Amino acid sequence: MGAHAEKRMEQRHDCRGTMNWVYFNKECYGTARILNFSQNGSCFETDQALVFGSTVLIHVFKCMNCVETTKSPANLRWDALSEVKWCEKQSDSDNTSYTVGVRYHYYPV
């Protein structure tokens, strides 16, 4: 896939952490390295391509280097249903990975 068009309106916060993702109500799941997040979405790297438009449940285990989150901890969704907005193949000579962008589903409380 080509580069995705920048549509983000919120400030992004860098994060180096670990997470799991799972297709909603399915058995297929994977691990990932979270790269950054905002109030409405996040970006992570995983070894599987995710289906554009699919719903995934994400669970963040650990977020390191998140200095900015101390000011607004609500921006990081530790558990969230989200929609896959883009998925780009990243490959080098040793392995192939995918960078995935998701937008959180919003459910008023």
C-alpha atoms as a PDB file:
ATOM      1  CA  MET A   1       0.000   0.000   0.000  1.00  0.00           C
ATOM      2  CA  GLY A   2       1.120   3.560  -0.562  1.00  0.00           C
ATOM      3  CA  ALA A   3       1.487   6.217   2.058  1.00  0.00           C
ATOM      4  CA  HIS A   4      -1.786   7.140   3.722  1.00  0.00           C
ATOM      5  CA  ALA A   5      -3.070  10.708   3.689  1.00  0.00           C
ATOM      6  CA  GLU A   6      -2.603  12.562   6.968  1.00  0.00           C
ATOM      7  CA  LYS A   7      -6.038  13.116   8.531  1.00  0.00           C
ATOM      8  CA  ARG A   8      -5.108  13.386  12.197  1.00  0.00           C
ATOM      9  CA  MET A   9      -6.353  16.413  14.067  1.00  0.00           C
ATOM     10  CA  GLU A  10      -5.231  15.444  17.572  1.00  0.00           C
ATOM     11  CA  GLN A  11      -1.777  15.614  19.074  1.00  0.00           C
ATOM     12  CA  ARG A  12       0.114  12.320  18.822  1.00  0.00           C
ATOM     13  CA  HIS A  13       2.074  10.979  21.798  1.00  0.00           C
ATOM     14  CA  ASP A  14       5.060   8.720  21.172  1.00  0.00           C
ATOM     15  CA  CYS A  15       4.922   5.452  23.030  1.00  0.00           C
ATOM     16  CA  ARG A  16       7.101   2.382  23.013  1.00  0.00           C
ATOM     17  CA  GLY A  17       5.029  -0.354  24.545  1.00  0.00           C
ATOM     18  CA  THR A  18       3.473  -3.764  24.079  1.00  0.00           C
ATOM     19  CA  MET A  19      -0.085  -4.721  23.277  1.00  0.00           C
ATOM     20  CA  ASN A  20      -2.343  -7.446  21.918  1.00  0.00           C
ATOM     21  CA  TRP A  21      -4.958  -7.054  19.215  1.00  0.00           C
ATOM     22  CA  VAL A  22      -7.790  -9.405  18.333  1.00  0.00           C
ATOM     23  CA  TYR A  23     -10.426  -9.287  15.629  1.00  0.00           C
ATOM     24  CA  PHE A  24     -13.664  -8.591  17.452  1.00  0.00           C
ATOM     25  CA  ASN A  25     -15.518 -11.824  18.217  1.00  0.00           C
ATOM     26  CA  LYS A  26     -12.941 -13.963  16.350  1.00  0.00           C
ATOM     27  CA  GLU A  27     -10.098 -16.276  17.326  1.00  0.00           C
ATOM     28  CA  CYS A  28      -7.413 -14.525  15.247  1.00  0.00           C
ATOM     29  CA  TYR A  29      -5.135 -12.361  17.391  1.00  0.00           C
ATOM     30  CA  GLY A  30      -1.587 -11.073  17.550  1.00  0.00           C
ATOM     31  CA  THR A  31       0.963  -9.146  19.534  1.00  0.00           C
ATOM     32  CA  ALA A  32       2.189  -5.711  18.607  1.00  0.00           C
ATOM     33  CA  ARG A  33       4.466  -2.862  19.528  1.00  0.00           C
ATOM     34  CA  ILE A  34       2.566   0.361  20.056  1.00  0.00           C
ATOM     35  CA  LEU A  35       4.242   3.338  18.361  1.00  0.00           C
ATOM     36  CA  ASN A  36       2.021   6.302  19.204  1.00  0.00           C
ATOM     37  CA  PHE A  37      -1.495   7.270  20.224  1.00  0.00           C
ATOM     38  CA  SER A  38      -3.888  10.184  20.438  1.00  0.00           C
ATOM     39  CA  GLN A  39      -7.295  10.801  21.933  1.00  0.00           C
ATOM     40  CA  ASN A  40      -8.994   9.102  18.982  1.00  0.00           C
ATOM     41  CA  GLY A  41      -6.607   6.436  17.752  1.00  0.00           C
ATOM     42  CA  SER A  42      -3.271   4.707  17.818  1.00  0.00           C
ATOM     43  CA  CYS A  43      -0.570   3.293  15.595  1.00  0.00           C
ATOM     44  CA  PHE A  44       1.195  -0.027  16.145  1.00  0.00           C
ATOM     45  CA  GLU A  45       3.509  -2.497  14.443  1.00  0.00           C
ATOM     46  CA  THR A  46       2.651  -6.182  14.154  1.00  0.00           C
ATOM     47  CA  ASP A  47       3.733  -9.209  12.126  1.00  0.00           C
ATOM     48  CA  GLN A  48       0.310  -9.747  10.498  1.00  0.00           C
ATOM     49  CA  ALA A  49      -1.608  -7.634   8.008  1.00  0.00           C
ATOM     50  CA  LEU A  50      -4.920  -6.446   9.422  1.00  0.00           C
ATOM     51  CA  VAL A  51      -8.023  -6.111   7.251  1.00  0.00           C
ATOM     52  CA  PHE A  52      -8.959  -2.522   6.379  1.00  0.00           C
ATOM     53  CA  GLY A  53     -12.279  -1.561   7.982  1.00  0.00           C
ATOM     54  CA  SER A  54     -12.308  -4.459  10.420  1.00  0.00           C
ATOM     55  CA  THR A  55     -13.072  -4.045  14.109  1.00  0.00           C
ATOM     56  CA  VAL A  56     -10.303  -5.006  16.500  1.00  0.00           C
ATOM     57  CA  LEU A  57     -10.066  -5.025  20.266  1.00  0.00           C
ATOM     58  CA  ILE A  58      -6.739  -3.705  21.515  1.00  0.00           C
ATOM     59  CA  HIS A  59      -5.224  -4.204  24.958  1.00  0.00           C
ATOM     60  CA  VAL A  60      -2.086  -2.273  25.920  1.00  0.00           C
ATOM     61  CA  PHE A  61       0.113  -4.035  28.468  1.00  0.00           C
ATOM     62  CA  LYS A  62       2.855  -1.528  28.907  1.00  0.00           C
ATOM     63  CA  CYS A  63       3.620   1.945  27.606  1.00  0.00           C
ATOM     64  CA  MET A  64       7.161   3.229  28.024  1.00  0.00           C
ATOM     65  CA  ASN A  65       8.531   6.688  27.209  1.00  0.00           C
ATOM     66  CA  CYS A  66       5.086   8.243  27.608  1.00  0.00           C
ATOM     67  CA  VAL A  67       6.180  11.420  29.352  1.00  0.00           C
ATOM     68  CA  GLU A  68       3.340  13.420  27.817  1.00  0.00           C
ATOM     69  CA  THR A  69       0.661  11.100  29.231  1.00  0.00           C
ATOM     70  CA  THR A  70       1.240  12.357  32.757  1.00  0.00           C
ATOM     71  CA  LYS A  71      -0.505  15.547  31.698  1.00  0.00           C
ATOM     72  CA  SER A  72      -3.470  13.804  30.088  1.00  0.00           C
ATOM     73  CA  PRO A  73      -3.564  10.074  30.944  1.00  0.00           C
ATOM     74  CA  ALA A  74      -7.046   9.670  29.447  1.00  0.00           C
ATOM     75  CA  ASN A  75      -5.527   9.852  25.940  1.00  0.00           C
ATOM     76  CA  LEU A  76      -4.114   6.342  26.155  1.00  0.00           C
ATOM     77  CA  ARG A  77      -6.804   3.711  25.786  1.00  0.00           C
ATOM     78  CA  TRP A  78      -5.578   0.633  27.618  1.00  0.00           C
ATOM     79  CA  ASP A  79      -8.516  -1.383  26.224  1.00  0.00           C
ATOM     80  CA  ALA A  80     -10.494  -0.227  23.199  1.00  0.00           C
ATOM     81  CA  LEU A  81     -12.639  -1.356  20.302  1.00  0.00           C
ATOM     82  CA  SER A  82     -11.293   0.274  17.184  1.00  0.00           C
ATOM     83  CA  GLU A  83     -11.546   0.303  13.402  1.00  0.00           C
ATOM     84  CA  VAL A  84      -8.553  -0.442  11.182  1.00  0.00           C
ATOM     85  CA  LYS A  85      -8.096   2.700   9.060  1.00  0.00           C
ATOM     86  CA  TRP A  86      -4.885   1.692   7.276  1.00  0.00           C
ATOM     87  CA  CYS A  87      -2.261  -1.052   7.187  1.00  0.00           C
ATOM     88  CA  GLU A  88       1.127  -0.676   5.470  1.00  0.00           C
ATOM     89  CA  LYS A  89       3.674  -3.397   4.821  1.00  0.00           C
ATOM     90  CA  GLN A  90       7.146  -2.625   6.189  1.00  0.00           C
ATOM     91  CA  SER A  91       9.855  -5.012   5.113  1.00  0.00           C
ATOM     92  CA  ASP A  92      13.580  -5.300   5.397  1.00  0.00           C
ATOM     93  CA  SER A  93      15.989  -8.102   4.598  1.00  0.00           C
ATOM     94  CA  ASP A  94      15.330  -9.945   7.881  1.00  0.00           C
ATOM     95  CA  ASN A  95      11.562  -9.828   8.398  1.00  0.00           C
ATOM     96  CA  THR A  96       8.272  -8.328   7.344  1.00  0.00           C
ATOM     97  CA  SER A  97       6.031  -6.296   9.605  1.00  0.00           C
ATOM     98  CA  TYR A  98       2.954  -4.119   9.212  1.00  0.00           C
ATOM     99  CA  THR A  99       2.273  -0.675  10.595  1.00  0.00           C
ATOM    100  CA  VAL A 100      -1.416  -0.298  11.439  1.00  0.00           C
ATOM    101  CA  GLY A 101      -3.485   2.778  12.220  1.00  0.00           C
ATOM    102  CA  VAL A 102      -6.725   2.412  14.158  1.00  0.00           C
ATOM    103  CA  ARG A 103      -9.444   4.827  15.186  1.00  0.00           C
ATOM    104  CA  TYR A 104     -11.143   4.147  18.502  1.00  0.00           C
ATOM    105  CA  HIS A 105     -14.869   3.539  18.542  1.00  0.00           C
ATOM    106  CA  TYR A 106     -16.556   6.081  20.761  1.00  0.00           C
ATOM    107  CA  TYR A 107     -19.173   4.888  23.204  1.00  0.00           C
ATOM    108  CA  PRO A 108     -20.641   7.521  25.504  1.00  0.00           C
ATOM    109  CA  VAL A 109     -20.858   6.517  29.128  1.00  0.00           C
END
